[in-house]
Amino acid sequence: MTAKELLYIEDALGHEQYFQTQCAEAMNTLQDGELKTCLQQMQQTHRQLFQQFLGLL
């Protein structure tokens, strides 16, 4: 893997972590259970994507 490809993966990892954090923060501010469930699913998706990118390393 080239240095540039590693940088792309690092960026992707950072983005996925950011999205997970944003979902968690939004869940803490919401009262609507349906929206919380949606955000939990989104957070799980980003957690899985993070793991997939990490697996490339």
PDB file of N, CA and C in Angstrom:
ATOM      1  N   MET A   1       0.850  -1.167   0.000  1.00  0.00           N
ATOM      2  CA  MET A   1       0.000   0.000   0.000  1.00  0.00           C
ATOM      3  C   MET A   1       0.902   1.238   0.000  1.00  0.00           C
ATOM      4  N   THR A   2       0.560   2.181  -0.833  1.00  0.00           N
ATOM      5  CA  THR A   2       1.376   3.389  -0.937  1.00  0.00           C
ATOM      6  C   THR A   2       1.073   4.338   0.232  1.00  0.00           C
ATOM      7  N   ALA A   3       1.950   5.296   0.413  1.00  0.00           N
ATOM      8  CA  ALA A   3       1.769   6.287   1.476  1.00  0.00           C
ATOM      9  C   ALA A   3       0.492   7.095   1.241  1.00  0.00           C
ATOM     10  N   LYS A   4       0.206   7.389  -0.011  1.00  0.00           N
ATOM     11  CA  LYS A   4      -1.004   8.157  -0.332  1.00  0.00           C
ATOM     12  C   LYS A   4      -2.262   7.355  -0.004  1.00  0.00           C
ATOM     13  N   GLU A   5      -2.247   6.080  -0.300  1.00  0.00           N
ATOM     14  CA  GLU A   5      -3.393   5.226   0.018  1.00  0.00           C
ATOM     15  C   GLU A   5      -3.607   5.143   1.528  1.00  0.00           C
ATOM     16  N   LEU A   6      -2.522   5.072   2.286  1.00  0.00           N
ATOM     17  CA  LEU A   6      -2.628   5.060   3.747  1.00  0.00           C
ATOM     18  C   LEU A   6      -3.240   6.358   4.266  1.00  0.00           C
ATOM     19  N   LEU A   7      -2.875   7.464   3.652  1.00  0.00           N
ATOM     20  CA  LEU A   7      -3.455   8.747   4.053  1.00  0.00           C
ATOM     21  C   LEU A   7      -4.962   8.780   3.785  1.00  0.00           C
ATOM     22  N   TYR A   8      -5.374   8.211   2.667  1.00  0.00           N
ATOM     23  CA  TYR A   8      -6.804   8.149   2.357  1.00  0.00           C
ATOM     24  C   TYR A   8      -7.547   7.324   3.413  1.00  0.00           C
ATOM     25  N   ILE A   9      -6.963   6.217   3.805  1.00  0.00           N
ATOM     26  CA  ILE A   9      -7.589   5.365   4.817  1.00  0.00           C
ATOM     27  C   ILE A   9      -7.640   6.080   6.160  1.00  0.00           C
ATOM     28  N   GLU A  10      -6.568   6.765   6.516  1.00  0.00           N
ATOM     29  CA  GLU A  10      -6.553   7.541   7.760  1.00  0.00           C
ATOM     30  C   GLU A  10      -7.663   8.594   7.746  1.00  0.00           C
ATOM     31  N   ASP A  11      -7.813   9.274   6.624  1.00  0.00           N
ATOM     32  CA  ASP A  11      -8.877  10.274   6.497  1.00  0.00           C
ATOM     33  C   ASP A  11     -10.255   9.627   6.657  1.00  0.00           C
ATOM     34  N   ALA A  12     -10.442   8.492   6.007  1.00  0.00           N
ATOM     35  CA  ALA A  12     -11.724   7.798   6.089  1.00  0.00           C
ATOM     36  C   ALA A  12     -12.011   7.367   7.529  1.00  0.00           C
ATOM     37  N   LEU A  13     -10.989   6.888   8.233  1.00  0.00           N
ATOM     38  CA  LEU A  13     -11.162   6.499   9.631  1.00  0.00           C
ATOM     39  C   LEU A  13     -11.594   7.705  10.472  1.00  0.00           C
ATOM     40  N   GLY A  14     -10.950   8.818  10.245  1.00  0.00           N
ATOM     41  CA  GLY A  14     -11.286  10.035  10.976  1.00  0.00           C
ATOM     42  C   GLY A  14     -12.713  10.487  10.704  1.00  0.00           C
ATOM     43  N   HIS A  15     -13.139  10.393   9.460  1.00  0.00           N
ATOM     44  CA  HIS A  15     -14.502  10.786   9.101  1.00  0.00           C
ATOM     45  C   HIS A  15     -15.525   9.866   9.766  1.00  0.00           C
ATOM     46  N   GLU A  16     -15.252   8.587   9.759  1.00  0.00           N
ATOM     47  CA  GLU A  16     -16.184   7.643  10.370  1.00  0.00           C
ATOM     48  C   GLU A  16     -16.279   7.861  11.884  1.00  0.00           C
ATOM     49  N   GLN A  17     -15.158   8.143  12.525  1.00  0.00           N
ATOM     50  CA  GLN A  17     -15.188   8.453  13.954  1.00  0.00           C
ATOM     51  C   GLN A  17     -15.996   9.720  14.212  1.00  0.00           C
ATOM     52  N   TYR A  18     -15.802  10.705  13.372  1.00  0.00           N
ATOM     53  CA  TYR A  18     -16.531  11.966  13.508  1.00  0.00           C
ATOM     54  C   TYR A  18     -18.035  11.731  13.386  1.00  0.00           C
ATOM     55  N   PHE A  19     -18.451  10.943  12.388  1.00  0.00           N
ATOM     56  CA  PHE A  19     -19.873  10.675  12.188  1.00  0.00           C
ATOM     57  C   PHE A  19     -20.467   9.916  13.378  1.00  0.00           C
ATOM     58  N   GLN A  20     -19.704   8.979  13.935  1.00  0.00           N
ATOM     59  CA  GLN A  20     -20.175   8.249  15.114  1.00  0.00           C
ATOM     60  C   GLN A  20     -20.395   9.209  16.282  1.00  0.00           C
ATOM     61  N   THR A  21     -19.456  10.114  16.477  1.00  0.00           N
ATOM     62  CA  THR A  21     -19.556  11.093  17.560  1.00  0.00           C
ATOM     63  C   THR A  21     -20.748  12.016  17.362  1.00  0.00           C
ATOM     64  N   GLN A  22     -20.947  12.467  16.140  1.00  0.00           N
ATOM     65  CA  GLN A  22     -22.067  13.360  15.847  1.00  0.00           C
ATOM     66  C   GLN A  22     -23.403  12.664  16.088  1.00  0.00           C
ATOM     67  N   CYS A  23     -23.501  11.405  15.707  1.00  0.00           N
ATOM     68  CA  CYS A  23     -24.730  10.648  15.942  1.00  0.00           C
ATOM     69  C   CYS A  23     -24.992  10.526  17.446  1.00  0.00           C
ATOM     70  N   ALA A  24     -23.951  10.212  18.202  1.00  0.00           N
ATOM     71  CA  ALA A  24     -24.099  10.062  19.653  1.00  0.00           C
ATOM     72  C   ALA A  24     -24.532  11.371  20.298  1.00  0.00           C
ATOM     73  N   GLU A  25     -23.930  12.466  19.896  1.00  0.00           N
ATOM     74  CA  GLU A  25     -24.290  13.767  20.455  1.00  0.00           C
ATOM     75  C   GLU A  25     -25.731  14.144  20.110  1.00  0.00           C
ATOM     76  N   ALA A  26     -26.132  13.861  18.899  1.00  0.00           N
ATOM     77  CA  ALA A  26     -27.497  14.178  18.488  1.00  0.00           C
ATOM     78  C   ALA A  26     -28.506  13.319  19.249  1.00  0.00           C
ATOM     79  N   MET A  27     -28.168  12.052  19.483  1.00  0.00           N
ATOM     80  CA  MET A  27     -29.072  11.175  20.230  1.00  0.00           C
ATOM     81  C   MET A  27     -29.316  11.704  21.635  1.00  0.00           C
ATOM     82  N   ASN A  28     -28.293  12.305  22.228  1.00  0.00           N
ATOM     83  CA  ASN A  28     -28.421  12.826  23.590  1.00  0.00           C
ATOM     84  C   ASN A  28     -29.330  14.047  23.676  1.00  0.00           C
ATOM     85  N   THR A  29     -29.569  14.702  22.564  1.00  0.00           N
ATOM     86  CA  THR A  29     -30.385  15.912  22.587  1.00  0.00           C
ATOM     87  C   THR A  29     -31.826  15.674  22.143  1.00  0.00           C
ATOM     88  N   LEU A  30     -32.088  14.504  21.588  1.00  0.00           N
ATOM     89  CA  LEU A  30     -33.419  14.232  21.040  1.00  0.00           C
ATOM     90  C   LEU A  30     -34.341  13.579  22.058  1.00  0.00           C
ATOM     91  N   GLN A  31     -35.614  13.864  21.929  1.00  0.00           N
ATOM     92  CA  GLN A  31     -36.644  13.229  22.747  1.00  0.00           C
ATOM     93  C   GLN A  31     -37.400  12.172  21.939  1.00  0.00           C
ATOM     94  N   ASP A  32     -37.465  12.360  20.640  1.00  0.00           N
ATOM     95  CA  ASP A  32     -38.224  11.472  19.755  1.00  0.00           C
ATOM     96  C   ASP A  32     -37.533  10.107  19.639  1.00  0.00           C
ATOM     97  N   GLY A  33     -38.216   9.064  20.081  1.00  0.00           N
ATOM     98  CA  GLY A  33     -37.649   7.724  20.060  1.00  0.00           C
ATOM     99  C   GLY A  33     -37.347   7.213  18.661  1.00  0.00           C
ATOM    100  N   GLU A  34     -38.191   7.578  17.703  1.00  0.00           N
ATOM    101  CA  GLU A  34     -37.993   7.128  16.328  1.00  0.00           C
ATOM    102  C   GLU A  34     -36.724   7.723  15.725  1.00  0.00           C
ATOM    103  N   LEU A  35     -36.500   8.999  16.002  1.00  0.00           N
ATOM    104  CA  LEU A  35     -35.284   9.646  15.513  1.00  0.00           C
ATOM    105  C   LEU A  35     -34.047   9.078  16.197  1.00  0.00           C
ATOM    106  N   LYS A  36     -34.153   8.778  17.492  1.00  0.00           N
ATOM    107  CA  LYS A  36     -33.034   8.175  18.214  1.00  0.00           C
ATOM    108  C   LYS A  36     -32.667   6.826  17.611  1.00  0.00           C
ATOM    109  N   THR A  37     -33.692   6.041  17.279  1.00  0.00           N
ATOM    110  CA  THR A  37     -33.464   4.733  16.665  1.00  0.00           C
ATOM    111  C   THR A  37     -32.757   4.889  15.323  1.00  0.00           C
ATOM    112  N   CYS A  38     -33.196   5.858  14.549  1.00  0.00           N
ATOM    113  CA  CYS A  38     -32.565   6.133  13.253  1.00  0.00           C
ATOM    114  C   CYS A  38     -31.092   6.492  13.442  1.00  0.00           C
ATOM    115  N   LEU A  39     -30.810   7.338  14.418  1.00  0.00           N
ATOM    116  CA  LEU A  39     -29.425   7.745  14.679  1.00  0.00           C
ATOM    117  C   LEU A  39     -28.587   6.583  15.202  1.00  0.00           C
ATOM    118  N   GLN A  40     -29.188   5.711  15.988  1.00  0.00           N
ATOM    119  CA  GLN A  40     -28.468   4.537  16.471  1.00  0.00           C
ATOM    120  C   GLN A  40     -28.066   3.645  15.303  1.00  0.00           C
ATOM    121  N   GLN A  41     -28.963   3.500  14.350  1.00  0.00           N
ATOM    122  CA  GLN A  41     -28.665   2.698  13.163  1.00  0.00           C
ATOM    123  C   GLN A  41     -27.549   3.344  12.345  1.00  0.00           C
ATOM    124  N   MET A  42     -27.615   4.668  12.215  1.00  0.00           N
ATOM    125  CA  MET A  42     -26.569   5.383  11.472  1.00  0.00           C
ATOM    126  C   MET A  42     -25.224   5.233  12.188  1.00  0.00           C
ATOM    127  N   GLN A  43     -25.244   5.344  13.508  1.00  0.00           N
ATOM    128  CA  GLN A  43     -24.009   5.205  14.279  1.00  0.00           C
ATOM    129  C   GLN A  43     -23.430   3.800  14.090  1.00  0.00           C
ATOM    130  N   GLN A  44     -24.278   2.791  14.109  1.00  0.00           N
ATOM    131  CA  GLN A  44     -23.824   1.421  13.916  1.00  0.00           C
ATOM    132  C   GLN A  44     -23.224   1.241  12.519  1.00  0.00           C
ATOM    133  N   THR A  45     -23.845   1.831  11.527  1.00  0.00           N
ATOM    134  CA  THR A  45     -23.315   1.754  10.164  1.00  0.00           C
ATOM    135  C   THR A  45     -21.919   2.364  10.095  1.00  0.00           C
ATOM    136  N   HIS A  46     -21.740   3.524  10.719  1.00  0.00           N
ATOM    137  CA  HIS A  46     -20.433   4.172  10.696  1.00  0.00           C
ATOM    138  C   HIS A  46     -19.411   3.396  11.520  1.00  0.00           C
ATOM    139  N   ARG A  47     -19.859   2.718  12.566  1.00  0.00           N
ATOM    140  CA  ARG A  47     -18.965   1.874  13.352  1.00  0.00           C
ATOM    141  C   ARG A  47     -18.471   0.705  12.494  1.00  0.00           C
ATOM    142  N   GLN A  48     -19.381   0.116  11.717  1.00  0.00           N
ATOM    143  CA  GLN A  48     -19.015  -0.995  10.836  1.00  0.00           C
ATOM    144  C   GLN A  48     -18.070  -0.530   9.734  1.00  0.00           C
ATOM    145  N   LEU A  49     -18.343   0.633   9.168  1.00  0.00           N
ATOM    146  CA  LEU A  49     -17.458   1.170   8.136  1.00  0.00           C
ATOM    147  C   LEU A  49     -16.071   1.440   8.700  1.00  0.00           C
ATOM    148  N   PHE A  50     -16.024   1.969   9.922  1.00  0.00           N
ATOM    149  CA  PHE A  50     -14.744   2.207  10.587  1.00  0.00           C
ATOM    150  C   PHE A  50     -13.959   0.901  10.694  1.00  0.00           C
ATOM    151  N   GLN A  51     -14.632  -0.151  11.124  1.00  0.00           N
ATOM    152  CA  GLN A  51     -13.976  -1.447  11.274  1.00  0.00           C
ATOM    153  C   GLN A  51     -13.493  -1.995   9.929  1.00  0.00           C
ATOM    154  N   GLN A  52     -14.261  -1.766   8.884  1.00  0.00           N
ATOM    155  CA  GLN A  52     -13.856  -2.227   7.556  1.00  0.00           C
ATOM    156  C   GLN A  52     -12.608  -1.479   7.082  1.00  0.00           C
ATOM    157  N   PHE A  53     -12.586  -0.160   7.291  1.00  0.00           N
ATOM    158  CA  PHE A  53     -11.407   0.603   6.911  1.00  0.00           C
ATOM    159  C   PHE A  53     -10.204   0.183   7.746  1.00  0.00           C
ATOM    160  N   LEU A  54     -10.425  -0.054   9.025  1.00  0.00           N
ATOM    161  CA  LEU A  54      -9.348  -0.486   9.902  1.00  0.00           C
ATOM    162  C   LEU A  54      -8.805  -1.835   9.454  1.00  0.00           C
ATOM    163  N   GLY A  55      -9.682  -2.682   8.965  1.00  0.00           N
ATOM    164  CA  GLY A  55      -9.273  -3.993   8.463  1.00  0.00           C
ATOM    165  C   GLY A  55      -8.349  -3.899   7.253  1.00  0.00           C
ATOM    166  N   LEU A  56      -8.410  -2.800   6.522  1.00  0.00           N
ATOM    167  CA  LEU A  56      -7.524  -2.623   5.373  1.00  0.00           C
ATOM    168  C   LEU A  56      -6.085  -2.430   5.793  1.00  0.00           C
ATOM    169  N   LEU A  57      -5.901  -1.985   7.017  1.00  0.00           N
ATOM    170  CA  LEU A  57      -4.543  -1.757   7.517  1.00  0.00           C
ATOM    171  C   LEU A  57      -3.999  -3.065   8.009  1.00  0.00           C
TER     172      LEU A  57
END
